Amino acid sequence: MTEYEKYKSIQELLEARQAAHNYCRHQLQGVVENIQKLRRQLKKQKSKRWNIYSIDNELIHNQVLLNEVVKLGKKIIVLRRKRNH
């Protein structure tokens, strides 16, 4: 059974791909916003900054989101290669 057989039509496949792209876009926007927030925190005086653990947690969260996007991107690339063969 190929990856495409679970979809009943081309329309369903296109909708699934669009949903994946939207998910990636949403996750990447969240990462950009978090990085901007971290930069603002680092520009503050040391006494008014978040503590190092909060910054570390934000960076870990960003890393997790980026890993999800990369994994989904790899799945999309594999599907495209299968379709082209």
N, C-alpha and C. Protein backbone atom coordinates (compact mmCIF):
# COMPACT_ATOMS: atom_id res chain seq x y z
N MET A 1 0.84 -1.18 0.00
CA MET A 1 0.00 0.00 0.00
C MET A 1 0.89 1.25 0.00
N THR A 2 0.67 2.10 -0.93
CA THR A 2 1.47 3.32 -1.00
C THR A 2 0.91 4.36 -0.06
N GLU A 3 1.69 5.38 0.13
CA GLU A 3 1.31 6.47 1.02
C GLU A 3 0.04 7.16 0.51
N TYR A 4 -0.16 7.18 -0.81
CA TYR A 4 -1.30 7.90 -1.38
C TYR A 4 -2.60 7.13 -1.30
N GLU A 5 -2.53 5.82 -1.13
CA GLU A 5 -3.75 5.02 -1.15
C GLU A 5 -4.70 5.34 -0.01
N LYS A 6 -4.19 5.95 1.05
CA LYS A 6 -5.09 6.29 2.15
C LYS A 6 -5.97 7.50 1.82
N TYR A 7 -5.65 8.22 0.77
CA TYR A 7 -6.48 9.34 0.34
C TYR A 7 -7.44 8.88 -0.74
N LYS A 8 -8.68 9.30 -0.65
CA LYS A 8 -9.70 8.86 -1.60
C LYS A 8 -9.62 9.61 -2.93
N SER A 9 -9.06 10.80 -2.90
CA SER A 9 -9.01 11.58 -4.13
C SER A 9 -7.81 12.52 -4.12
N ILE A 10 -7.55 13.06 -5.27
CA ILE A 10 -6.49 14.07 -5.39
C ILE A 10 -6.81 15.27 -4.52
N GLN A 11 -8.09 15.63 -4.45
CA GLN A 11 -8.51 16.78 -3.63
C GLN A 11 -8.14 16.56 -2.16
N GLU A 12 -8.36 15.35 -1.64
CA GLU A 12 -8.00 15.05 -0.25
C GLU A 12 -6.49 15.14 -0.05
N LEU A 13 -5.74 14.67 -1.02
CA LEU A 13 -4.29 14.75 -0.95
C LEU A 13 -3.83 16.20 -0.92
N LEU A 14 -4.41 17.02 -1.78
CA LEU A 14 -4.05 18.44 -1.82
C LEU A 14 -4.42 19.14 -0.51
N GLU A 15 -5.59 18.79 0.05
CA GLU A 15 -6.01 19.38 1.32
C GLU A 15 -5.07 18.97 2.44
N ALA A 16 -4.62 17.71 2.43
CA ALA A 16 -3.68 17.25 3.46
C ALA A 16 -2.35 17.98 3.34
N ARG A 17 -1.88 18.17 2.10
CA ARG A 17 -0.63 18.90 1.90
C ARG A 17 -0.77 20.35 2.35
N GLN A 18 -1.92 20.97 2.05
CA GLN A 18 -2.14 22.36 2.46
C GLN A 18 -2.17 22.46 3.98
N ALA A 19 -2.80 21.50 4.63
CA ALA A 19 -2.84 21.49 6.10
C ALA A 19 -1.43 21.36 6.67
N ALA A 20 -0.61 20.53 6.05
CA ALA A 20 0.78 20.38 6.52
C ALA A 20 1.55 21.68 6.34
N HIS A 21 1.37 22.35 5.21
CA HIS A 21 2.05 23.62 4.98
C HIS A 21 1.58 24.68 5.99
N ASN A 22 0.28 24.72 6.25
CA ASN A 22 -0.24 25.68 7.22
C ASN A 22 0.32 25.42 8.61
N TYR A 23 0.41 24.14 8.97
CA TYR A 23 0.96 23.76 10.27
C TYR A 23 2.41 24.23 10.38
N CYS A 24 3.20 23.98 9.35
CA CYS A 24 4.60 24.40 9.35
C CYS A 24 4.71 25.92 9.46
N ARG A 25 3.89 26.62 8.69
CA ARG A 25 3.93 28.08 8.71
C ARG A 25 3.60 28.60 10.12
N HIS A 26 2.58 28.01 10.74
CA HIS A 26 2.17 28.42 12.09
C HIS A 26 3.31 28.18 13.09
N GLN A 27 3.94 27.02 13.01
CA GLN A 27 5.03 26.70 13.93
C GLN A 27 6.21 27.64 13.73
N LEU A 28 6.54 27.92 12.48
CA LEU A 28 7.66 28.81 12.21
C LEU A 28 7.38 30.24 12.67
N GLN A 29 6.13 30.69 12.53
CA GLN A 29 5.78 32.02 13.02
C GLN A 29 5.94 32.07 14.54
N GLY A 30 5.57 31.00 15.23
CA GLY A 30 5.75 30.94 16.67
C GLY A 30 7.21 31.00 17.08
N VAL A 31 8.06 30.32 16.32
CA VAL A 31 9.49 30.34 16.61
C VAL A 31 10.05 31.74 16.41
N VAL A 32 9.66 32.40 15.33
CA VAL A 32 10.13 33.77 15.07
C VAL A 32 9.69 34.70 16.21
N GLU A 33 8.44 34.59 16.64
CA GLU A 33 7.96 35.43 17.73
C GLU A 33 8.73 35.16 19.01
N ASN A 34 9.02 33.89 19.30
CA ASN A 34 9.78 33.55 20.50
C ASN A 34 11.20 34.09 20.45
N ILE A 35 11.82 34.02 19.28
CA ILE A 35 13.18 34.55 19.15
C ILE A 35 13.17 36.07 19.35
N GLN A 36 12.15 36.74 18.81
CA GLN A 36 12.05 38.19 19.02
C GLN A 36 11.87 38.51 20.50
N LYS A 37 11.05 37.72 21.18
CA LYS A 37 10.83 37.92 22.61
C LYS A 37 12.14 37.71 23.39
N LEU A 38 12.89 36.68 23.02
CA LEU A 38 14.18 36.42 23.68
C LEU A 38 15.16 37.56 23.44
N ARG A 39 15.20 38.08 22.22
CA ARG A 39 16.11 39.19 21.93
C ARG A 39 15.76 40.42 22.77
N ARG A 40 14.44 40.68 22.92
CA ARG A 40 14.03 41.82 23.76
C ARG A 40 14.47 41.61 25.20
N GLN A 41 14.34 40.37 25.69
CA GLN A 41 14.75 40.07 27.06
C GLN A 41 16.26 40.27 27.24
N LEU A 42 17.03 39.84 26.25
CA LEU A 42 18.48 39.94 26.38
C LEU A 42 18.97 41.38 26.29
N LYS A 43 18.17 42.27 25.68
CA LYS A 43 18.55 43.68 25.60
C LYS A 43 18.28 44.41 26.91
N LYS A 44 17.45 43.84 27.78
CA LYS A 44 17.12 44.49 29.04
C LYS A 44 18.32 44.44 29.98
N GLN A 45 18.26 45.30 31.00
CA GLN A 45 19.28 45.25 32.04
C GLN A 45 19.26 43.89 32.70
N LYS A 46 20.39 43.48 33.18
CA LYS A 46 20.51 42.14 33.75
C LYS A 46 19.51 41.89 34.87
N SER A 47 19.24 42.89 35.68
CA SER A 47 18.33 42.71 36.82
C SER A 47 16.87 42.55 36.38
N LYS A 48 16.54 43.01 35.17
CA LYS A 48 15.16 42.93 34.69
C LYS A 48 14.92 41.80 33.70
N ARG A 49 15.96 41.07 33.36
CA ARG A 49 15.85 39.95 32.43
C ARG A 49 15.19 38.75 33.08
N TRP A 50 14.72 37.85 32.23
CA TRP A 50 14.30 36.55 32.73
C TRP A 50 15.53 35.85 33.27
N ASN A 51 15.31 34.84 34.10
CA ASN A 51 16.49 34.09 34.55
C ASN A 51 16.94 33.14 33.43
N ILE A 52 18.10 32.59 33.58
CA ILE A 52 18.69 31.75 32.54
C ILE A 52 17.84 30.53 32.24
N TYR A 53 17.12 30.01 33.24
CA TYR A 53 16.30 28.82 33.04
C TYR A 53 15.09 29.12 32.15
N SER A 54 14.52 30.31 32.30
CA SER A 54 13.40 30.69 31.44
C SER A 54 13.85 30.83 29.99
N ILE A 55 15.00 31.44 29.81
CA ILE A 55 15.53 31.59 28.46
C ILE A 55 15.85 30.22 27.87
N ASP A 56 16.44 29.34 28.67
CA ASP A 56 16.75 27.99 28.21
C ASP A 56 15.48 27.24 27.82
N ASN A 57 14.43 27.38 28.62
CA ASN A 57 13.16 26.72 28.30
C ASN A 57 12.57 27.22 26.99
N GLU A 58 12.65 28.52 26.75
CA GLU A 58 12.16 29.08 25.49
C GLU A 58 12.96 28.53 24.31
N LEU A 59 14.27 28.43 24.48
CA LEU A 59 15.11 27.90 23.39
C LEU A 59 14.80 26.43 23.12
N ILE A 60 14.57 25.65 24.18
CA ILE A 60 14.21 24.24 24.02
C ILE A 60 12.88 24.13 23.28
N HIS A 61 11.93 24.97 23.66
CA HIS A 61 10.61 24.97 23.00
C HIS A 61 10.77 25.28 21.52
N ASN A 62 11.58 26.27 21.19
CA ASN A 62 11.83 26.62 19.79
C ASN A 62 12.46 25.45 19.05
N GLN A 63 13.39 24.78 19.69
CA GLN A 63 14.05 23.64 19.07
C GLN A 63 13.06 22.52 18.77
N VAL A 64 12.16 22.26 19.70
CA VAL A 64 11.14 21.23 19.50
C VAL A 64 10.25 21.59 18.32
N LEU A 65 9.81 22.83 18.26
CA LEU A 65 8.96 23.26 17.15
C LEU A 65 9.68 23.14 15.81
N LEU A 66 10.94 23.55 15.78
CA LEU A 66 11.70 23.45 14.53
C LEU A 66 11.91 21.99 14.13
N ASN A 67 12.13 21.11 15.10
CA ASN A 67 12.28 19.68 14.79
C ASN A 67 11.00 19.11 14.19
N GLU A 68 9.85 19.54 14.70
CA GLU A 68 8.57 19.09 14.14
C GLU A 68 8.43 19.54 12.68
N VAL A 69 8.80 20.76 12.42
CA VAL A 69 8.70 21.29 11.05
C VAL A 69 9.65 20.52 10.13
N VAL A 70 10.85 20.25 10.58
CA VAL A 70 11.82 19.51 9.76
C VAL A 70 11.31 18.10 9.47
N LYS A 71 10.77 17.42 10.47
CA LYS A 71 10.23 16.07 10.26
C LYS A 71 9.09 16.08 9.25
N LEU A 72 8.21 17.05 9.38
CA LEU A 72 7.10 17.14 8.44
C LEU A 72 7.61 17.47 7.04
N GLY A 73 8.61 18.34 6.96
CA GLY A 73 9.20 18.67 5.67
C GLY A 73 9.82 17.44 5.00
N LYS A 74 10.47 16.60 5.78
CA LYS A 74 11.05 15.38 5.24
C LYS A 74 9.96 14.45 4.71
N LYS A 75 8.84 14.35 5.42
CA LYS A 75 7.73 13.51 4.95
C LYS A 75 7.19 14.03 3.63
N ILE A 76 7.07 15.34 3.50
CA ILE A 76 6.56 15.94 2.27
C ILE A 76 7.51 15.65 1.11
N ILE A 77 8.81 15.76 1.36
CA ILE A 77 9.80 15.49 0.32
C ILE A 77 9.72 14.03 -0.12
N VAL A 78 9.58 13.12 0.83
CA VAL A 78 9.48 11.69 0.50
C VAL A 78 8.24 11.44 -0.34
N LEU A 79 7.11 12.06 0.04
CA LEU A 79 5.89 11.89 -0.74
C LEU A 79 6.04 12.41 -2.17
N ARG A 80 6.71 13.53 -2.32
CA ARG A 80 6.92 14.09 -3.65
C ARG A 80 7.78 13.17 -4.50
N ARG A 81 8.83 12.59 -3.88
CA ARG A 81 9.71 11.68 -4.63
C ARG A 81 8.95 10.44 -5.06
N LYS A 82 8.11 9.90 -4.18
CA LYS A 82 7.32 8.72 -4.52
C LYS A 82 6.36 9.03 -5.67
N ARG A 83 5.78 10.23 -5.63
CA ARG A 83 4.84 10.60 -6.67
C ARG A 83 5.54 10.75 -8.02
N ASN A 84 6.75 11.25 -8.01
CA ASN A 84 7.48 11.49 -9.26
C ASN A 84 8.05 10.23 -9.87
N HIS A 85 8.14 9.15 -9.12
CA HIS A 85 8.71 7.91 -9.67
C HIS A 85 7.67 7.09 -10.32
